[in-house]
Amino acid sequence: MTAHIVLASGSEIRAHLLRQAGVDFDIDVPRLDEEAIKAALLAEEAPPRDIADALAEAKARKISGKHPGKLVLGCDQVLDFDGKIISKPVNAEVALTQLKEMRGKRHMLLSAAVIYRDGEPVWRHVGQVRLVMRRCTDAYLEDYVARNWDSIRHAVGAYKLEEEGVRLFASIDGSYFNVLGLPLMELISYLGLQGVIEQ
C-alpha cells in the first residue's frame, strides 16, 4: 500500500519524528532556491513568521503536482532574533558570532508546516518557541562550536537542542517538536481529523 502523505523535505529529523509517531509517508525533496525566496521576502520587509510560512508553502506547492490526490507536507524553520532572521551558519566563525550575539537574550524559533493537495493549500500552522540563552563564556562557546561543528552547521542558530546545545539554554517555552522543526502535535490532529491516520 502506498502512503497518502508525501514529505517535501530532506530533513532526517522531520522524517524521524513522523516515523516515530507511526505516520506512513513517502519522501520527495523539492529543488528550490530557498535563499532567493528568502531574499525577496526580506526585501519586502516580510516578518520572520511569514517567511517561514512562505518557504514551507513553496516546498509543498513544488511537489504537490507530482502526487495527485496525496497530502504533500512542506516545512521550514526560521530563527527570529529581535526581528532579524538568523540562518544556518556558513562557517564556524559565523556560528560563534551568532551564539555570542544571542547569549543572555531571548529569541524565537518559528516552525512552519503547510499541506497541499492537488496544487492547493489545505492546512497550515506555524509553531512558536521562545528560548533564552544562558550567559555562556567565550571559552565555552568556542569549545562548543569546535566540538559540534559537523552537526550544528546544518542548524539555524548553530545549535541542536537534542544534542549538547541544550546546555546553552536557561529557559525554553514551547513544544519540543517545534524546536526540532515540525509542529507535530497540530499535524497529527489534522491528519486524524482527515482520517489519514487512526485516532
N, C-alpha and C. Protein backbone atom coordinates (compact mmCIF):
# COMPACT_ATOMS: atom_id res chain seq x y z
N MET A 1 0.84 -1.20 0.00
CA MET A 1 0.00 0.00 0.00
C MET A 1 0.88 1.25 0.00
N THR A 2 0.55 2.21 -0.84
CA THR A 2 1.35 3.43 -0.89
C THR A 2 0.82 4.43 0.14
N ALA A 3 1.73 5.29 0.60
CA ALA A 3 1.37 6.28 1.62
C ALA A 3 0.51 7.39 1.02
N HIS A 4 -0.37 7.96 1.84
CA HIS A 4 -1.20 9.07 1.40
C HIS A 4 -0.50 10.41 1.62
N ILE A 5 0.64 10.38 2.29
CA ILE A 5 1.36 11.61 2.65
C ILE A 5 2.73 11.61 1.99
N VAL A 6 3.12 12.77 1.48
CA VAL A 6 4.46 12.94 0.92
C VAL A 6 5.15 14.05 1.69
N LEU A 7 6.32 13.76 2.24
CA LEU A 7 7.12 14.77 2.95
C LEU A 7 8.03 15.44 1.93
N ALA A 8 7.80 16.73 1.69
CA ALA A 8 8.60 17.50 0.74
C ALA A 8 9.79 18.11 1.48
N SER A 9 10.66 17.24 1.96
CA SER A 9 11.79 17.69 2.77
C SER A 9 12.84 16.60 2.83
N GLY A 10 14.09 17.03 2.85
CA GLY A 10 15.19 16.09 3.02
C GLY A 10 15.66 16.00 4.45
N SER A 11 14.92 16.63 5.37
CA SER A 11 15.31 16.67 6.78
C SER A 11 15.19 15.30 7.43
N GLU A 12 16.30 14.79 7.93
CA GLU A 12 16.29 13.48 8.60
C GLU A 12 15.49 13.54 9.90
N ILE A 13 15.58 14.66 10.61
CA ILE A 13 14.89 14.75 11.90
C ILE A 13 13.37 14.78 11.71
N ARG A 14 12.88 15.49 10.66
CA ARG A 14 11.44 15.51 10.41
C ARG A 14 10.94 14.11 10.03
N ALA A 15 11.70 13.43 9.18
CA ALA A 15 11.33 12.07 8.79
C ALA A 15 11.32 11.15 10.02
N HIS A 16 12.30 11.33 10.88
CA HIS A 16 12.39 10.51 12.10
C HIS A 16 11.18 10.76 13.01
N LEU A 17 10.80 12.02 13.17
CA LEU A 17 9.65 12.34 14.02
C LEU A 17 8.37 11.70 13.48
N LEU A 18 8.17 11.76 12.18
CA LEU A 18 6.97 11.17 11.58
C LEU A 18 6.98 9.65 11.75
N ARG A 19 8.14 9.03 11.53
CA ARG A 19 8.24 7.58 11.69
C ARG A 19 7.95 7.17 13.13
N GLN A 20 8.54 7.91 14.08
CA GLN A 20 8.34 7.60 15.50
C GLN A 20 6.87 7.73 15.90
N ALA A 21 6.16 8.63 15.21
CA ALA A 21 4.73 8.84 15.51
C ALA A 21 3.85 7.82 14.78
N GLY A 22 4.48 6.93 14.00
CA GLY A 22 3.72 5.89 13.31
C GLY A 22 2.99 6.38 12.08
N VAL A 23 3.48 7.47 11.47
CA VAL A 23 2.86 8.02 10.26
C VAL A 23 3.56 7.42 9.04
N ASP A 24 2.77 6.87 8.13
CA ASP A 24 3.30 6.29 6.90
C ASP A 24 3.42 7.40 5.84
N PHE A 25 4.58 7.53 5.25
CA PHE A 25 4.78 8.62 4.29
C PHE A 25 5.88 8.26 3.29
N ASP A 26 5.86 8.98 2.16
CA ASP A 26 6.93 8.92 1.18
C ASP A 26 7.70 10.23 1.25
N ILE A 27 8.89 10.25 0.66
CA ILE A 27 9.71 11.47 0.65
C ILE A 27 9.97 11.88 -0.80
N ASP A 28 9.78 13.16 -1.09
CA ASP A 28 10.13 13.73 -2.39
C ASP A 28 10.70 15.12 -2.12
N VAL A 29 12.01 15.25 -2.26
CA VAL A 29 12.69 16.50 -1.89
C VAL A 29 12.61 17.51 -3.03
N PRO A 30 12.06 18.71 -2.77
CA PRO A 30 11.95 19.71 -3.83
C PRO A 30 13.30 20.38 -4.12
N ARG A 31 13.50 20.70 -5.38
CA ARG A 31 14.67 21.50 -5.76
C ARG A 31 14.20 22.95 -5.81
N LEU A 32 14.68 23.72 -4.86
CA LEU A 32 14.15 25.07 -4.66
C LEU A 32 15.28 25.99 -4.24
N ASP A 33 15.29 27.21 -4.75
CA ASP A 33 16.29 28.19 -4.33
C ASP A 33 15.73 28.94 -3.13
N GLU A 34 15.90 28.34 -1.95
CA GLU A 34 15.34 28.92 -0.73
C GLU A 34 15.92 30.30 -0.43
N GLU A 35 17.22 30.46 -0.69
CA GLU A 35 17.86 31.74 -0.38
C GLU A 35 17.29 32.86 -1.23
N ALA A 36 16.95 32.58 -2.49
CA ALA A 36 16.36 33.60 -3.37
C ALA A 36 14.97 34.00 -2.87
N ILE A 37 14.19 33.00 -2.45
CA ILE A 37 12.85 33.27 -1.92
C ILE A 37 12.96 34.11 -0.65
N LYS A 38 13.88 33.70 0.23
CA LYS A 38 14.08 34.42 1.49
C LYS A 38 14.53 35.86 1.24
N ALA A 39 15.46 36.03 0.30
CA ALA A 39 15.98 37.38 -0.01
C ALA A 39 14.87 38.28 -0.54
N ALA A 40 14.00 37.73 -1.40
CA ALA A 40 12.91 38.53 -1.95
C ALA A 40 11.94 38.96 -0.85
N LEU A 41 11.63 38.05 0.06
CA LEU A 41 10.72 38.36 1.16
C LEU A 41 11.34 39.37 2.13
N LEU A 42 12.64 39.22 2.38
CA LEU A 42 13.33 40.19 3.25
C LEU A 42 13.34 41.58 2.62
N ALA A 43 13.50 41.62 1.29
CA ALA A 43 13.48 42.90 0.57
C ALA A 43 12.13 43.59 0.70
N GLU A 44 11.08 42.77 0.84
CA GLU A 44 9.73 43.31 1.04
C GLU A 44 9.42 43.57 2.51
N GLU A 45 10.44 43.34 3.37
CA GLU A 45 10.31 43.52 4.82
C GLU A 45 9.24 42.62 5.42
N ALA A 46 9.12 41.41 4.87
CA ALA A 46 8.17 40.43 5.43
C ALA A 46 8.66 40.00 6.81
N PRO A 47 7.74 39.83 7.76
CA PRO A 47 8.15 39.38 9.11
C PRO A 47 8.64 37.93 9.06
N PRO A 48 9.49 37.54 10.01
CA PRO A 48 10.03 36.18 10.03
C PRO A 48 8.97 35.08 9.97
N ARG A 49 7.84 35.27 10.64
CA ARG A 49 6.77 34.26 10.63
C ARG A 49 6.28 34.02 9.21
N ASP A 50 6.08 35.09 8.45
CA ASP A 50 5.60 34.97 7.07
C ASP A 50 6.64 34.30 6.18
N ILE A 51 7.90 34.54 6.47
CA ILE A 51 8.98 33.93 5.68
C ILE A 51 9.00 32.42 5.90
N ALA A 52 8.89 31.99 7.15
CA ALA A 52 8.84 30.56 7.45
C ALA A 52 7.67 29.90 6.73
N ASP A 53 6.50 30.54 6.80
CA ASP A 53 5.29 30.01 6.18
C ASP A 53 5.45 29.94 4.66
N ALA A 54 6.00 31.00 4.06
CA ALA A 54 6.15 31.05 2.60
C ALA A 54 7.13 29.98 2.10
N LEU A 55 8.20 29.75 2.85
CA LEU A 55 9.18 28.73 2.44
C LEU A 55 8.57 27.32 2.54
N ALA A 56 7.82 27.08 3.61
CA ALA A 56 7.15 25.78 3.76
C ALA A 56 6.15 25.58 2.62
N GLU A 57 5.41 26.64 2.30
CA GLU A 57 4.41 26.54 1.23
C GLU A 57 5.06 26.30 -0.12
N ALA A 58 6.16 26.97 -0.39
CA ALA A 58 6.85 26.81 -1.67
C ALA A 58 7.28 25.36 -1.89
N LYS A 59 7.73 24.71 -0.83
CA LYS A 59 8.16 23.31 -0.93
C LYS A 59 6.97 22.39 -1.21
N ALA A 60 5.88 22.59 -0.48
CA ALA A 60 4.69 21.76 -0.68
C ALA A 60 4.12 21.96 -2.09
N ARG A 61 4.05 23.22 -2.52
CA ARG A 61 3.49 23.54 -3.84
C ARG A 61 4.33 22.91 -4.96
N LYS A 62 5.64 22.97 -4.81
CA LYS A 62 6.56 22.45 -5.83
C LYS A 62 6.35 20.95 -6.06
N ILE A 63 6.09 20.21 -5.00
CA ILE A 63 5.98 18.75 -5.08
C ILE A 63 4.55 18.28 -5.34
N SER A 64 3.56 19.09 -4.96
CA SER A 64 2.16 18.66 -4.99
C SER A 64 1.70 18.16 -6.36
N GLY A 65 2.08 18.85 -7.41
CA GLY A 65 1.63 18.47 -8.75
C GLY A 65 2.09 17.10 -9.20
N LYS A 66 3.15 16.60 -8.57
CA LYS A 66 3.70 15.29 -8.95
C LYS A 66 2.97 14.13 -8.25
N HIS A 67 2.10 14.45 -7.29
CA HIS A 67 1.45 13.41 -6.49
C HIS A 67 -0.05 13.67 -6.37
N PRO A 68 -0.80 13.46 -7.45
CA PRO A 68 -2.25 13.73 -7.43
C PRO A 68 -2.96 13.01 -6.29
N GLY A 69 -3.82 13.77 -5.60
CA GLY A 69 -4.64 13.20 -4.54
C GLY A 69 -3.96 13.05 -3.20
N LYS A 70 -2.65 13.19 -3.17
CA LYS A 70 -1.92 12.98 -1.91
C LYS A 70 -1.73 14.30 -1.14
N LEU A 71 -1.57 14.16 0.17
CA LEU A 71 -1.25 15.30 1.02
C LEU A 71 0.27 15.49 0.98
N VAL A 72 0.69 16.66 0.57
CA VAL A 72 2.13 16.96 0.48
C VAL A 72 2.49 17.96 1.57
N LEU A 73 3.42 17.56 2.42
CA LEU A 73 3.80 18.36 3.58
C LEU A 73 5.12 19.08 3.33
N GLY A 74 5.07 20.41 3.35
CA GLY A 74 6.27 21.24 3.25
C GLY A 74 6.54 21.87 4.61
N CYS A 75 7.81 21.98 4.98
CA CYS A 75 8.18 22.53 6.30
C CYS A 75 9.36 23.49 6.17
N ASP A 76 9.42 24.42 7.09
CA ASP A 76 10.60 25.26 7.19
C ASP A 76 10.68 25.83 8.61
N GLN A 77 11.90 26.15 9.01
CA GLN A 77 12.11 26.74 10.33
C GLN A 77 12.95 28.00 10.20
N VAL A 78 12.53 29.03 10.92
CA VAL A 78 13.23 30.32 10.90
C VAL A 78 13.51 30.74 12.34
N LEU A 79 14.67 31.30 12.57
CA LEU A 79 15.02 31.83 13.89
C LEU A 79 14.87 33.35 13.85
N ASP A 80 14.01 33.85 14.72
CA ASP A 80 13.73 35.29 14.81
C ASP A 80 14.45 35.85 16.04
N PHE A 81 15.46 36.67 15.79
CA PHE A 81 16.22 37.31 16.87
C PHE A 81 16.06 38.81 16.75
N ASP A 82 15.21 39.38 17.61
CA ASP A 82 14.90 40.81 17.56
C ASP A 82 14.42 41.25 16.18
N GLY A 83 13.58 40.42 15.55
CA GLY A 83 13.03 40.76 14.25
C GLY A 83 13.95 40.48 13.08
N LYS A 84 15.13 39.99 13.38
CA LYS A 84 16.12 39.67 12.34
C LYS A 84 16.22 38.15 12.22
N ILE A 85 16.35 37.66 10.99
CA ILE A 85 16.46 36.22 10.78
C ILE A 85 17.91 35.77 10.91
N ILE A 86 18.10 34.73 11.73
CA ILE A 86 19.41 34.09 11.86
C ILE A 86 19.34 32.78 11.07
N SER A 87 20.23 32.62 10.10
CA SER A 87 20.21 31.44 9.24
C SER A 87 21.23 30.40 9.69
N LYS A 88 21.30 29.31 8.92
CA LYS A 88 22.33 28.30 9.18
C LYS A 88 23.69 28.95 8.96
N PRO A 89 24.65 28.73 9.87
CA PRO A 89 25.96 29.38 9.74
C PRO A 89 26.75 28.83 8.55
N VAL A 90 27.39 29.73 7.81
CA VAL A 90 28.15 29.29 6.63
C VAL A 90 29.52 28.74 7.02
N ASN A 91 30.00 29.12 8.20
CA ASN A 91 31.27 28.56 8.71
C ASN A 91 31.29 28.67 10.23
N ALA A 92 32.32 28.10 10.84
CA ALA A 92 32.39 28.05 12.31
C ALA A 92 32.51 29.45 12.92
N GLU A 93 33.16 30.37 12.22
CA GLU A 93 33.30 31.74 12.73
C GLU A 93 31.94 32.42 12.83
N VAL A 94 31.11 32.22 11.80
CA VAL A 94 29.76 32.80 11.82
C VAL A 94 28.94 32.16 12.94
N ALA A 95 29.09 30.86 13.13
CA ALA A 95 28.37 30.17 14.20
C ALA A 95 28.72 30.77 15.55
N LEU A 96 29.99 30.99 15.78
CA LEU A 96 30.44 31.56 17.05
C LEU A 96 29.91 32.98 17.24
N THR A 97 29.94 33.77 16.18
CA THR A 97 29.41 35.14 16.25
C THR A 97 27.92 35.14 16.59
N GLN A 98 27.17 34.25 15.94
CA GLN A 98 25.72 34.17 16.20
C GLN A 98 25.46 33.82 17.66
N LEU A 99 26.16 32.83 18.17
CA LEU A 99 25.95 32.39 19.55
C LEU A 99 26.32 33.49 20.54
N LYS A 100 27.40 34.21 20.27
CA LYS A 100 27.81 35.31 21.16
C LYS A 100 26.77 36.43 21.16
N GLU A 101 26.18 36.70 20.00
CA GLU A 101 25.15 37.74 19.90
C GLU A 101 23.91 37.37 20.70
N MET A 102 23.55 36.08 20.67
CA MET A 102 22.29 35.64 21.28
C MET A 102 22.40 35.32 22.77
N ARG A 103 23.60 35.14 23.29
CA ARG A 103 23.72 34.71 24.69
C ARG A 103 23.14 35.75 25.65
N GLY A 104 22.46 35.22 26.65
CA GLY A 104 21.81 36.08 27.64
C GLY A 104 20.54 36.74 27.15
N LYS A 105 20.15 36.45 25.90
CA LYS A 105 18.98 37.11 25.32
C LYS A 105 17.94 36.08 24.86
N ARG A 106 16.77 36.61 24.53
CA ARG A 106 15.65 35.78 24.07
C ARG A 106 15.60 35.76 22.55
N HIS A 107 15.26 34.62 21.99
CA HIS A 107 14.95 34.55 20.56
C HIS A 107 13.79 33.57 20.36
N MET A 108 13.31 33.49 19.14
CA MET A 108 12.14 32.67 18.86
C MET A 108 12.41 31.78 17.66
N LEU A 109 12.00 30.52 17.77
CA LEU A 109 12.03 29.60 16.63
C LEU A 109 10.62 29.48 16.08
N LEU A 110 10.50 29.63 14.77
CA LEU A 110 9.21 29.53 14.09
C LEU A 110 9.25 28.32 13.18
N SER A 111 8.44 27.32 13.46
CA SER A 111 8.42 26.09 12.68
C SER A 111 7.11 26.02 11.89
N ALA A 112 7.24 26.22 10.58
CA ALA A 112 6.07 26.27 9.71
C ALA A 112 5.86 24.94 9.00
N ALA A 113 4.59 24.57 8.85
CA ALA A 113 4.22 23.39 8.08
C ALA A 113 3.00 23.75 7.23
N VAL A 114 3.04 23.37 5.96
CA VAL A 114 1.93 23.63 5.04
C VAL A 114 1.65 22.34 4.28
N ILE A 115 0.37 22.00 4.18
CA ILE A 115 -0.03 20.83 3.41
C ILE A 115 -0.79 21.26 2.16
N TYR A 116 -0.37 20.70 1.03
CA TYR A 116 -1.05 20.91 -0.25
C TYR A 116 -1.69 19.60 -0.69
N ARG A 117 -2.80 19.72 -1.40
CA ARG A 117 -3.40 18.58 -2.11
C ARG A 117 -3.81 19.06 -3.50
N ASP A 118 -3.34 18.40 -4.51
CA ASP A 118 -3.67 18.74 -5.90
C ASP A 118 -3.43 20.21 -6.21
N GLY A 119 -2.29 20.70 -5.76
CA GLY A 119 -1.87 22.06 -6.11
C GLY A 119 -2.51 23.17 -5.30
N GLU A 120 -3.27 22.81 -4.26
CA GLU A 120 -3.94 23.83 -3.43
C GLU A 120 -3.60 23.63 -1.96
N PRO A 121 -3.40 24.73 -1.21
CA PRO A 121 -3.13 24.59 0.23
C PRO A 121 -4.40 24.18 0.97
N VAL A 122 -4.27 23.19 1.86
CA VAL A 122 -5.44 22.73 2.62
C VAL A 122 -5.24 22.88 4.14
N TRP A 123 -4.00 23.10 4.57
CA TRP A 123 -3.73 23.25 6.01
C TRP A 123 -2.38 23.92 6.20
N ARG A 124 -2.29 24.73 7.26
CA ARG A 124 -1.01 25.36 7.59
C ARG A 124 -0.95 25.67 9.08
N HIS A 125 0.25 25.67 9.61
CA HIS A 125 0.43 26.02 11.02
C HIS A 125 1.87 26.51 11.21
N VAL A 126 2.03 27.53 12.04
CA VAL A 126 3.37 27.99 12.42
C VAL A 126 3.49 27.88 13.93
N GLY A 127 4.31 26.94 14.38
CA GLY A 127 4.55 26.77 15.81
C GLY A 127 5.63 27.72 16.29
N GLN A 128 5.50 28.21 17.52
CA GLN A 128 6.46 29.17 18.06
C GLN A 128 7.06 28.65 19.36
N VAL A 129 8.35 28.84 19.50
CA VAL A 129 9.05 28.50 20.74
C VAL A 129 9.93 29.68 21.13
N ARG A 130 9.81 30.10 22.39
CA ARG A 130 10.65 31.19 22.89
C ARG A 130 11.77 30.59 23.74
N LEU A 131 12.99 30.99 23.43
CA LEU A 131 14.16 30.44 24.13
C LEU A 131 15.01 31.57 24.68
N VAL A 132 15.57 31.36 25.87
CA VAL A 132 16.52 32.31 26.45
C VAL A 132 17.85 31.58 26.62
N MET A 133 18.88 32.16 26.02
CA MET A 133 20.19 31.54 26.09
C MET A 133 20.93 31.96 27.36
N ARG A 134 21.68 31.03 27.93
CA ARG A 134 22.50 31.33 29.10
C ARG A 134 23.61 32.32 28.72
N ARG A 135 24.20 32.94 29.74
CA ARG A 135 25.36 33.82 29.50
C ARG A 135 26.63 32.97 29.52
N CYS A 136 26.81 32.18 28.48
CA CYS A 136 27.96 31.29 28.38
C CYS A 136 29.25 32.09 28.17
N THR A 137 30.36 31.55 28.64
CA THR A 137 31.65 32.23 28.45
C THR A 137 32.11 32.07 27.01
N ASP A 138 32.99 32.98 26.59
CA ASP A 138 33.58 32.87 25.26
C ASP A 138 34.27 31.52 25.10
N ALA A 139 34.99 31.10 26.13
CA ALA A 139 35.75 29.84 26.06
C ALA A 139 34.81 28.65 25.83
N TYR A 140 33.70 28.63 26.56
CA TYR A 140 32.76 27.51 26.37
C TYR A 140 32.18 27.52 24.96
N LEU A 141 31.77 28.70 24.48
CA LEU A 141 31.17 28.78 23.15
C LEU A 141 32.17 28.37 22.06
N GLU A 142 33.42 28.78 22.24
CA GLU A 142 34.45 28.40 21.26
C GLU A 142 34.64 26.89 21.24
N ASP A 143 34.69 26.27 22.42
CA ASP A 143 34.84 24.81 22.51
C ASP A 143 33.61 24.10 21.97
N TYR A 144 32.43 24.66 22.28
CA TYR A 144 31.17 24.07 21.81
C TYR A 144 31.13 24.01 20.29
N VAL A 145 31.46 25.13 19.64
CA VAL A 145 31.44 25.17 18.17
C VAL A 145 32.47 24.20 17.60
N ALA A 146 33.67 24.18 18.17
CA ALA A 146 34.72 23.28 17.68
C ALA A 146 34.31 21.82 17.80
N ARG A 147 33.70 21.46 18.93
CA ARG A 147 33.29 20.07 19.17
C ARG A 147 32.13 19.63 18.30
N ASN A 148 31.23 20.56 18.01
CA ASN A 148 29.95 20.20 17.40
C ASN A 148 29.74 20.71 15.97
N TRP A 149 30.77 21.28 15.37
CA TRP A 149 30.59 21.95 14.08
C TRP A 149 29.94 21.05 13.03
N ASP A 150 30.36 19.82 12.92
CA ASP A 150 29.82 18.93 11.88
C ASP A 150 28.31 18.80 11.97
N SER A 151 27.78 18.88 13.16
CA SER A 151 26.33 18.76 13.36
C SER A 151 25.61 20.11 13.28
N ILE A 152 26.15 21.11 13.96
CA ILE A 152 25.41 22.39 14.07
C ILE A 152 25.46 23.23 12.80
N ARG A 153 26.33 22.88 11.87
CA ARG A 153 26.37 23.67 10.62
C ARG A 153 25.08 23.52 9.82
N HIS A 154 24.28 22.50 10.14
CA HIS A 154 23.01 22.28 9.46
C HIS A 154 21.83 22.89 10.22
N ALA A 155 22.11 23.61 11.32
CA ALA A 155 21.03 24.10 12.18
C ALA A 155 20.98 25.62 12.23
N VAL A 156 19.76 26.17 12.11
CA VAL A 156 19.61 27.62 12.29
C VAL A 156 20.03 27.98 13.71
N GLY A 157 20.80 29.05 13.85
CA GLY A 157 21.24 29.47 15.18
C GLY A 157 22.46 28.73 15.69
N ALA A 158 22.93 27.74 14.94
CA ALA A 158 24.16 26.99 15.30
C ALA A 158 24.02 26.20 16.59
N TYR A 159 22.85 25.59 16.81
CA TYR A 159 22.71 24.70 17.95
C TYR A 159 21.66 23.64 17.65
N LYS A 160 21.77 22.51 18.34
CA LYS A 160 20.76 21.47 18.29
C LYS A 160 20.39 21.12 19.72
N LEU A 161 19.15 21.36 20.06
CA LEU A 161 18.68 21.15 21.42
C LEU A 161 18.70 19.67 21.81
N GLU A 162 18.59 18.80 20.81
CA GLU A 162 18.59 17.36 21.10
C GLU A 162 20.00 16.83 21.35
N GLU A 163 20.99 17.72 21.23
CA GLU A 163 22.38 17.34 21.48
C GLU A 163 22.94 18.27 22.58
N GLU A 164 24.24 18.55 22.55
CA GLU A 164 24.86 19.38 23.58
C GLU A 164 24.28 20.79 23.64
N GLY A 165 23.63 21.20 22.56
CA GLY A 165 23.04 22.54 22.51
C GLY A 165 22.10 22.84 23.66
N VAL A 166 21.52 21.81 24.29
CA VAL A 166 20.61 22.03 25.41
C VAL A 166 21.32 22.77 26.55
N ARG A 167 22.63 22.62 26.66
CA ARG A 167 23.39 23.28 27.72
C ARG A 167 23.50 24.80 27.52
N LEU A 168 23.15 25.27 26.34
CA LEU A 168 23.23 26.71 26.05
C LEU A 168 22.06 27.49 26.62
N PHE A 169 21.00 26.79 27.07
CA PHE A 169 19.75 27.49 27.36
C PHE A 169 19.35 27.54 28.83
N ALA A 170 18.80 28.71 29.20
CA ALA A 170 18.29 28.93 30.55
C ALA A 170 16.80 28.58 30.62
N SER A 171 16.06 28.85 29.54
CA SER A 171 14.63 28.51 29.52
C SER A 171 14.15 28.30 28.09
N ILE A 172 13.14 27.44 27.99
CA ILE A 172 12.52 27.13 26.70
C ILE A 172 11.02 27.08 26.93
N ASP A 173 10.28 27.89 26.18
CA ASP A 173 8.83 27.97 26.34
C ASP A 173 8.17 27.58 25.02
N GLY A 174 7.66 26.34 24.95
CA GLY A 174 7.02 25.88 23.72
C GLY A 174 7.29 24.41 23.49
N SER A 175 6.70 23.88 22.43
CA SER A 175 6.81 22.46 22.12
C SER A 175 8.21 22.07 21.65
N TYR A 176 8.69 20.98 22.21
CA TYR A 176 10.00 20.44 21.80
C TYR A 176 10.00 20.07 20.32
N PHE A 177 8.85 19.59 19.81
CA PHE A 177 8.77 19.23 18.40
C PHE A 177 8.97 20.45 17.51
N ASN A 178 8.47 21.61 17.95
CA ASN A 178 8.69 22.84 17.18
C ASN A 178 10.17 23.21 17.16
N VAL A 179 10.86 22.95 18.25
CA VAL A 179 12.31 23.20 18.29
C VAL A 179 13.00 22.35 17.22
N LEU A 180 12.51 21.12 17.04
CA LEU A 180 13.11 20.21 16.07
C LEU A 180 12.67 20.49 14.64
N GLY A 181 11.73 21.43 14.48
CA GLY A 181 11.37 21.87 13.13
C GLY A 181 10.07 21.34 12.56
N LEU A 182 9.20 20.78 13.43
CA LEU A 182 7.92 20.25 12.94
C LEU A 182 6.84 20.42 14.00
N PRO A 183 5.76 21.16 13.70
CA PRO A 183 4.65 21.26 14.66
C PRO A 183 3.85 19.95 14.68
N LEU A 184 4.43 18.95 15.29
CA LEU A 184 3.94 17.57 15.19
C LEU A 184 2.57 17.38 15.81
N MET A 185 2.31 17.96 16.97
CA MET A 185 1.03 17.76 17.64
C MET A 185 -0.12 18.27 16.78
N GLU A 186 0.04 19.45 16.23
CA GLU A 186 -1.01 20.04 15.39
C GLU A 186 -1.18 19.25 14.09
N LEU A 187 -0.05 18.78 13.53
CA LEU A 187 -0.10 17.98 12.31
C LEU A 187 -0.84 16.67 12.55
N ILE A 188 -0.53 16.00 13.65
CA ILE A 188 -1.19 14.74 13.99
C ILE A 188 -2.70 14.95 14.15
N SER A 189 -3.08 16.04 14.79
CA SER A 189 -4.51 16.34 14.96
C SER A 189 -5.20 16.48 13.61
N TYR A 190 -4.57 17.21 12.69
CA TYR A 190 -5.15 17.42 11.36
C TYR A 190 -5.28 16.09 10.61
N LEU A 191 -4.20 15.29 10.63
CA LEU A 191 -4.23 14.01 9.90
C LEU A 191 -5.28 13.07 10.48
N GLY A 192 -5.47 13.12 11.80
CA GLY A 192 -6.52 12.32 12.44
C GLY A 192 -7.89 12.76 12.01
N LEU A 193 -8.14 14.06 11.98
CA LEU A 193 -9.45 14.58 11.58
C LEU A 193 -9.76 14.26 10.12
N GLN A 194 -8.72 14.18 9.30
CA GLN A 194 -8.90 13.85 7.88
C GLN A 194 -9.04 12.36 7.65
N GLY A 195 -8.86 11.56 8.69
CA GLY A 195 -8.97 10.11 8.55
C GLY A 195 -7.76 9.47 7.89
N VAL A 196 -6.66 10.24 7.80
CA VAL A 196 -5.45 9.73 7.18
C VAL A 196 -4.71 8.78 8.14
N ILE A 197 -4.81 9.09 9.44
CA ILE A 197 -4.26 8.20 10.46
C ILE A 197 -5.36 7.90 11.46
N GLU A 198 -5.22 6.78 12.16
CA GLU A 198 -6.20 6.41 13.18
C GLU A 198 -6.11 7.33 14.37
N GLN A 199 -7.27 7.57 15.00
CA GLN A 199 -7.27 8.34 16.24
C GLN A 199 -8.34 7.80 17.18
